[in-house]
Structures are given as structure tokens and as C-alpha cells.
Amino acid sequence: MRLLCVKQKGGGQVSLKSEVGLGAGDKGKEREKPREGKEKERDASKDCRNVIESAEPKGEREFVILTSNRSQTYAAETSAMSAMWVEKINEALVRGNAHLQTRTQAWRLESR
């Protein structure tokens, strides 16, 4: 899963401001056979991508997303909206981690 931060301009156009991963993805996943060449390079670049660790309130209307590489601060229109974003991002992290654990356990059972 990914979190995309977009900005809507006056004319209605939307531009991508940032993109971060929600959870580790396949980073810690064991593989039956090692990858070679371009697939190996692609896996290495995915492993060092920017992954969200948590979201926290910062000030009245701001919140910060703590990632594996750097922190990103955002401002919401209201303090309630800021709190909602922190809650929803952290809930998505919990759901994503639970899904990853279930998927890893199922994979281990299949590979026995």
C-alpha cells in the first residue's frame, strides 16, 4: 500500500507532491529462488524506499509523518481534520502490518 499526497491547483489539476509506502511490503519476505539481474536491482531499490513508521500530531493544525528516510510535515484546514489524518494513517499501518503477518505465516505453511 502507498500513501499519496496530492495538491489540487486552482484550475482543478492535481499534481503528486509525495509518495510513501505503508508497511514493509516484500522487504523481509523470503524467496524460493534468488532473483537475478534487473529483478535483483528492482528488489534492492524497493527495499530502500520511503516507508511510513507512524503519524503524529504537531501543533494545532499540523501533523508529521515519520518515515524510514525522513519526516514530512503537513497542515490541515482544521485541528479536527489533522487529528483524523493521524488516526487514519496509523490505523492503515496497523491493518497493513496485520495483513503482512498473516501473509507471511500462510507462506511459511505453504513452503513446508
N, C-alpha and C. Protein backbone atom coordinates (compact mmCIF):
# COMPACT_ATOMS: atom_id res chain seq x y z
N MET A 1 0.84 -1.18 0.00
CA MET A 1 0.00 0.00 0.00
C MET A 1 0.88 1.24 0.00
N ARG A 2 0.35 2.32 -0.53
CA ARG A 2 1.08 3.58 -0.59
C ARG A 2 0.18 4.72 -0.15
N LEU A 3 0.80 5.76 0.37
CA LEU A 3 0.10 6.99 0.70
C LEU A 3 0.58 8.05 -0.28
N LEU A 4 -0.35 8.62 -1.02
CA LEU A 4 -0.02 9.65 -2.00
C LEU A 4 -0.50 10.99 -1.48
N CYS A 5 0.37 11.98 -1.52
CA CYS A 5 -0.01 13.34 -1.15
C CYS A 5 -0.12 14.13 -2.45
N VAL A 6 -1.32 14.63 -2.73
CA VAL A 6 -1.55 15.38 -3.96
C VAL A 6 -1.97 16.80 -3.63
N LYS A 7 -1.75 17.69 -4.58
CA LYS A 7 -2.14 19.08 -4.42
C LYS A 7 -3.04 19.45 -5.59
N GLN A 8 -4.21 20.00 -5.27
CA GLN A 8 -5.13 20.42 -6.32
C GLN A 8 -4.92 21.90 -6.58
N LYS A 9 -4.64 22.23 -7.82
CA LYS A 9 -4.40 23.61 -8.21
C LYS A 9 -5.72 24.30 -8.52
N GLY A 10 -5.66 25.60 -8.70
CA GLY A 10 -6.85 26.41 -8.94
C GLY A 10 -7.70 25.93 -10.10
N GLY A 11 -7.09 25.48 -11.18
CA GLY A 11 -7.83 25.03 -12.35
C GLY A 11 -8.35 23.61 -12.24
N GLY A 12 -8.19 23.00 -11.08
CA GLY A 12 -8.67 21.64 -10.89
C GLY A 12 -7.63 20.57 -11.17
N GLN A 13 -6.46 20.97 -11.70
CA GLN A 13 -5.41 20.00 -11.97
C GLN A 13 -4.84 19.48 -10.65
N VAL A 14 -4.46 18.21 -10.65
CA VAL A 14 -3.89 17.57 -9.47
C VAL A 14 -2.46 17.18 -9.77
N SER A 15 -1.55 17.51 -8.84
CA SER A 15 -0.16 17.10 -9.00
C SER A 15 0.28 16.28 -7.80
N LEU A 16 1.15 15.31 -8.03
CA LEU A 16 1.66 14.44 -6.97
C LEU A 16 2.78 15.17 -6.24
N LYS A 17 2.62 15.35 -4.93
CA LYS A 17 3.63 16.02 -4.11
C LYS A 17 4.60 15.03 -3.49
N SER A 18 4.09 13.90 -3.00
CA SER A 18 4.97 12.88 -2.42
C SER A 18 4.26 11.53 -2.43
N GLU A 19 5.07 10.48 -2.29
CA GLU A 19 4.55 9.11 -2.25
C GLU A 19 5.39 8.33 -1.25
N VAL A 20 4.73 7.69 -0.30
CA VAL A 20 5.43 6.88 0.70
C VAL A 20 4.71 5.55 0.85
N GLY A 21 5.45 4.53 1.25
CA GLY A 21 4.88 3.20 1.44
C GLY A 21 4.26 3.06 2.82
N LEU A 22 3.18 2.29 2.89
CA LEU A 22 2.54 1.95 4.17
C LEU A 22 2.92 0.52 4.52
N GLY A 23 3.98 0.33 5.25
CA GLY A 23 4.41 -1.01 5.65
C GLY A 23 5.60 -1.48 4.86
N ALA A 24 6.13 -2.63 5.26
CA ALA A 24 7.38 -3.13 4.71
C ALA A 24 7.23 -3.78 3.35
N GLY A 25 6.02 -4.13 2.94
CA GLY A 25 5.83 -4.80 1.65
C GLY A 25 6.54 -6.14 1.63
N ASP A 26 7.34 -6.37 0.61
CA ASP A 26 8.05 -7.64 0.46
C ASP A 26 9.47 -7.58 1.01
N LYS A 27 9.83 -6.52 1.70
CA LYS A 27 11.21 -6.31 2.14
C LYS A 27 11.77 -7.51 2.90
N GLY A 28 11.03 -8.03 3.88
CA GLY A 28 11.55 -9.13 4.68
C GLY A 28 11.12 -10.50 4.19
N LYS A 29 10.47 -10.56 3.08
CA LYS A 29 9.91 -11.82 2.58
C LYS A 29 11.01 -12.71 2.00
N GLU A 30 11.00 -13.96 2.40
CA GLU A 30 11.96 -14.93 1.86
C GLU A 30 11.47 -15.38 0.49
N ARG A 31 12.40 -15.70 -0.39
CA ARG A 31 12.04 -16.15 -1.73
C ARG A 31 12.52 -17.58 -1.93
N GLU A 32 11.77 -18.34 -2.75
CA GLU A 32 12.17 -19.72 -3.02
C GLU A 32 13.46 -19.76 -3.81
N LYS A 33 13.62 -18.87 -4.80
CA LYS A 33 14.88 -18.82 -5.53
C LYS A 33 15.31 -17.36 -5.65
N PRO A 34 16.61 -17.09 -5.55
CA PRO A 34 17.07 -15.70 -5.62
C PRO A 34 16.84 -15.12 -7.01
N ARG A 35 16.59 -13.83 -7.05
CA ARG A 35 16.39 -13.17 -8.34
C ARG A 35 17.73 -12.80 -8.94
N GLU A 36 17.72 -12.61 -10.25
CA GLU A 36 18.95 -12.28 -10.98
C GLU A 36 18.76 -10.98 -11.75
N GLY A 37 19.84 -10.32 -12.10
CA GLY A 37 19.85 -9.17 -12.99
C GLY A 37 18.96 -8.03 -12.58
N LYS A 38 18.10 -7.59 -13.53
CA LYS A 38 17.24 -6.43 -13.31
C LYS A 38 16.25 -6.65 -12.18
N GLU A 39 15.74 -7.87 -12.03
CA GLU A 39 14.80 -8.16 -10.94
C GLU A 39 15.47 -7.96 -9.59
N LYS A 40 16.74 -8.35 -9.49
CA LYS A 40 17.50 -8.19 -8.24
C LYS A 40 17.69 -6.70 -7.94
N GLU A 41 18.02 -5.90 -8.97
CA GLU A 41 18.19 -4.45 -8.80
C GLU A 41 16.88 -3.80 -8.39
N ARG A 42 15.77 -4.22 -9.00
CA ARG A 42 14.46 -3.66 -8.68
C ARG A 42 14.10 -3.96 -7.22
N ASP A 43 14.37 -5.17 -6.75
CA ASP A 43 14.11 -5.53 -5.35
C ASP A 43 14.94 -4.67 -4.40
N ALA A 44 16.20 -4.42 -4.74
CA ALA A 44 17.07 -3.61 -3.89
C ALA A 44 16.56 -2.18 -3.80
N SER A 45 16.07 -1.63 -4.91
CA SER A 45 15.56 -0.26 -4.88
C SER A 45 14.27 -0.17 -4.08
N LYS A 46 13.43 -1.21 -4.12
CA LYS A 46 12.20 -1.23 -3.33
C LYS A 46 12.51 -1.32 -1.84
N ASP A 47 13.57 -2.05 -1.48
CA ASP A 47 13.92 -2.23 -0.08
C ASP A 47 14.31 -0.92 0.60
N CYS A 48 14.85 0.04 -0.15
CA CYS A 48 15.28 1.28 0.48
C CYS A 48 14.29 2.41 0.24
N ARG A 49 13.09 2.09 -0.19
CA ARG A 49 12.09 3.13 -0.44
C ARG A 49 11.65 3.77 0.87
N ASN A 50 10.96 4.87 0.76
CA ASN A 50 10.48 5.62 1.91
C ASN A 50 9.23 4.94 2.48
N VAL A 51 9.31 4.43 3.70
CA VAL A 51 8.22 3.69 4.32
C VAL A 51 7.77 4.39 5.59
N ILE A 52 6.45 4.56 5.76
CA ILE A 52 5.90 5.23 6.94
C ILE A 52 6.07 4.35 8.17
N GLU A 53 6.56 4.97 9.24
CA GLU A 53 6.66 4.29 10.53
C GLU A 53 5.50 4.69 11.44
N SER A 54 5.10 5.98 11.40
CA SER A 54 3.94 6.43 12.17
C SER A 54 3.57 7.85 11.76
N ALA A 55 2.41 8.29 12.24
CA ALA A 55 1.96 9.67 12.06
C ALA A 55 1.68 10.23 13.44
N GLU A 56 2.05 11.50 13.65
CA GLU A 56 1.87 12.13 14.96
C GLU A 56 1.40 13.56 14.79
N PRO A 57 0.60 14.06 15.76
CA PRO A 57 0.19 15.46 15.71
C PRO A 57 1.39 16.38 15.94
N LYS A 58 1.33 17.56 15.34
CA LYS A 58 2.39 18.55 15.53
C LYS A 58 1.72 19.92 15.48
N GLY A 59 1.58 20.55 16.62
CA GLY A 59 0.90 21.83 16.65
C GLY A 59 -0.61 21.66 16.56
N GLU A 60 -1.29 22.77 16.31
CA GLU A 60 -2.76 22.73 16.31
C GLU A 60 -3.34 22.09 15.04
N ARG A 61 -2.85 22.51 13.87
CA ARG A 61 -3.41 22.01 12.62
C ARG A 61 -2.43 21.18 11.81
N GLU A 62 -1.26 20.93 12.34
CA GLU A 62 -0.25 20.20 11.59
C GLU A 62 -0.09 18.78 12.12
N PHE A 63 0.43 17.91 11.25
CA PHE A 63 0.81 16.57 11.67
C PHE A 63 2.06 16.19 10.90
N VAL A 64 2.81 15.26 11.46
CA VAL A 64 4.06 14.83 10.84
C VAL A 64 3.98 13.34 10.55
N ILE A 65 4.46 12.95 9.39
CA ILE A 65 4.56 11.54 9.02
C ILE A 65 6.02 11.17 9.16
N LEU A 66 6.29 10.24 10.07
CA LEU A 66 7.65 9.78 10.31
C LEU A 66 7.91 8.59 9.39
N THR A 67 8.93 8.70 8.57
CA THR A 67 9.24 7.64 7.62
C THR A 67 10.64 7.09 7.88
N SER A 68 10.98 6.05 7.15
CA SER A 68 12.29 5.42 7.31
C SER A 68 13.42 6.33 6.83
N ASN A 69 13.14 7.26 5.94
CA ASN A 69 14.18 8.13 5.39
C ASN A 69 14.14 9.55 5.94
N ARG A 70 12.94 10.10 6.13
CA ARG A 70 12.83 11.48 6.62
C ARG A 70 11.41 11.71 7.11
N SER A 71 11.22 12.82 7.79
CA SER A 71 9.89 13.19 8.28
C SER A 71 9.28 14.22 7.34
N GLN A 72 7.96 14.15 7.19
CA GLN A 72 7.25 15.09 6.33
C GLN A 72 6.13 15.73 7.13
N THR A 73 6.07 17.06 7.11
CA THR A 73 5.05 17.79 7.87
C THR A 73 3.98 18.30 6.92
N TYR A 74 2.72 18.16 7.35
CA TYR A 74 1.58 18.61 6.56
C TYR A 74 0.67 19.46 7.43
N ALA A 75 -0.06 20.38 6.81
CA ALA A 75 -1.02 21.22 7.52
C ALA A 75 -2.42 20.91 7.00
N ALA A 76 -3.36 20.77 7.92
CA ALA A 76 -4.76 20.53 7.56
C ALA A 76 -5.55 21.82 7.76
N GLU A 77 -6.76 21.86 7.23
CA GLU A 77 -7.59 23.06 7.37
C GLU A 77 -8.03 23.29 8.80
N THR A 78 -8.27 22.21 9.56
CA THR A 78 -8.71 22.33 10.95
C THR A 78 -7.93 21.35 11.83
N SER A 79 -7.99 21.56 13.14
CA SER A 79 -7.33 20.63 14.06
C SER A 79 -8.02 19.27 14.03
N ALA A 80 -9.35 19.26 13.85
CA ALA A 80 -10.09 18.00 13.77
C ALA A 80 -9.66 17.19 12.54
N MET A 81 -9.45 17.87 11.43
CA MET A 81 -9.03 17.18 10.21
C MET A 81 -7.60 16.64 10.38
N SER A 82 -6.75 17.40 11.03
CA SER A 82 -5.38 16.94 11.30
C SER A 82 -5.41 15.67 12.15
N ALA A 83 -6.22 15.68 13.21
CA ALA A 83 -6.34 14.51 14.09
C ALA A 83 -6.90 13.31 13.33
N MET A 84 -7.85 13.56 12.42
CA MET A 84 -8.42 12.49 11.62
C MET A 84 -7.35 11.83 10.74
N TRP A 85 -6.49 12.64 10.10
CA TRP A 85 -5.44 12.09 9.25
C TRP A 85 -4.47 11.25 10.05
N VAL A 86 -4.07 11.72 11.24
CA VAL A 86 -3.15 10.96 12.09
C VAL A 86 -3.78 9.61 12.44
N GLU A 87 -5.05 9.63 12.83
CA GLU A 87 -5.75 8.40 13.21
C GLU A 87 -5.86 7.43 12.03
N LYS A 88 -6.27 7.94 10.87
CA LYS A 88 -6.46 7.07 9.70
C LYS A 88 -5.15 6.47 9.20
N ILE A 89 -4.08 7.27 9.21
CA ILE A 89 -2.78 6.76 8.75
C ILE A 89 -2.29 5.67 9.69
N ASN A 90 -2.39 5.92 11.00
CA ASN A 90 -1.94 4.91 11.97
C ASN A 90 -2.80 3.65 11.92
N GLU A 91 -4.11 3.79 11.69
CA GLU A 91 -4.99 2.62 11.53
C GLU A 91 -4.58 1.81 10.30
N ALA A 92 -4.26 2.50 9.20
CA ALA A 92 -3.84 1.81 7.98
C ALA A 92 -2.53 1.05 8.21
N LEU A 93 -1.64 1.62 9.00
CA LEU A 93 -0.39 0.94 9.32
C LEU A 93 -0.65 -0.34 10.11
N VAL A 94 -1.55 -0.27 11.08
CA VAL A 94 -1.89 -1.45 11.89
C VAL A 94 -2.51 -2.53 11.01
N ARG A 95 -3.47 -2.14 10.15
CA ARG A 95 -4.11 -3.10 9.25
C ARG A 95 -3.10 -3.71 8.29
N GLY A 96 -2.22 -2.88 7.75
CA GLY A 96 -1.21 -3.36 6.81
C GLY A 96 -0.24 -4.32 7.45
N ASN A 97 0.18 -4.03 8.68
CA ASN A 97 1.10 -4.93 9.38
C ASN A 97 0.43 -6.25 9.73
N ALA A 98 -0.85 -6.21 10.12
CA ALA A 98 -1.58 -7.44 10.43
C ALA A 98 -1.72 -8.29 9.17
N HIS A 99 -2.01 -7.65 8.04
CA HIS A 99 -2.14 -8.36 6.76
C HIS A 99 -0.80 -8.99 6.37
N LEU A 100 0.30 -8.24 6.57
CA LEU A 100 1.63 -8.74 6.23
C LEU A 100 1.98 -9.96 7.07
N GLN A 101 1.67 -9.92 8.37
CA GLN A 101 1.96 -11.05 9.25
C GLN A 101 1.16 -12.28 8.83
N THR A 102 -0.11 -12.10 8.50
CA THR A 102 -0.96 -13.21 8.06
C THR A 102 -0.41 -13.81 6.77
N ARG A 103 -0.03 -12.95 5.84
CA ARG A 103 0.50 -13.40 4.55
C ARG A 103 1.81 -14.16 4.74
N THR A 104 2.68 -13.68 5.63
CA THR A 104 3.96 -14.35 5.89
C THR A 104 3.74 -15.70 6.54
N GLN A 105 2.80 -15.78 7.48
CA GLN A 105 2.50 -17.06 8.14
C GLN A 105 1.95 -18.06 7.13
N ALA A 106 1.07 -17.62 6.25
CA ALA A 106 0.49 -18.51 5.23
C ALA A 106 1.58 -19.00 4.29
N TRP A 107 2.50 -18.13 3.91
CA TRP A 107 3.59 -18.51 3.01
C TRP A 107 4.48 -19.56 3.67
N ARG A 108 4.77 -19.39 4.97
CA ARG A 108 5.60 -20.35 5.68
C ARG A 108 4.93 -21.72 5.75
N LEU A 109 3.60 -21.74 5.94
CA LEU A 109 2.88 -23.01 5.98
C LEU A 109 2.92 -23.70 4.62
N GLU A 110 2.77 -22.92 3.55
CA GLU A 110 2.79 -23.48 2.20
C GLU A 110 4.16 -24.04 1.84
N SER A 111 5.22 -23.42 2.32
CA SER A 111 6.57 -23.82 1.90
C SER A 111 7.10 -25.02 2.67
N ARG A 112 6.36 -25.50 3.67
CA ARG A 112 6.81 -26.68 4.45
C ARG A 112 6.56 -27.96 3.72
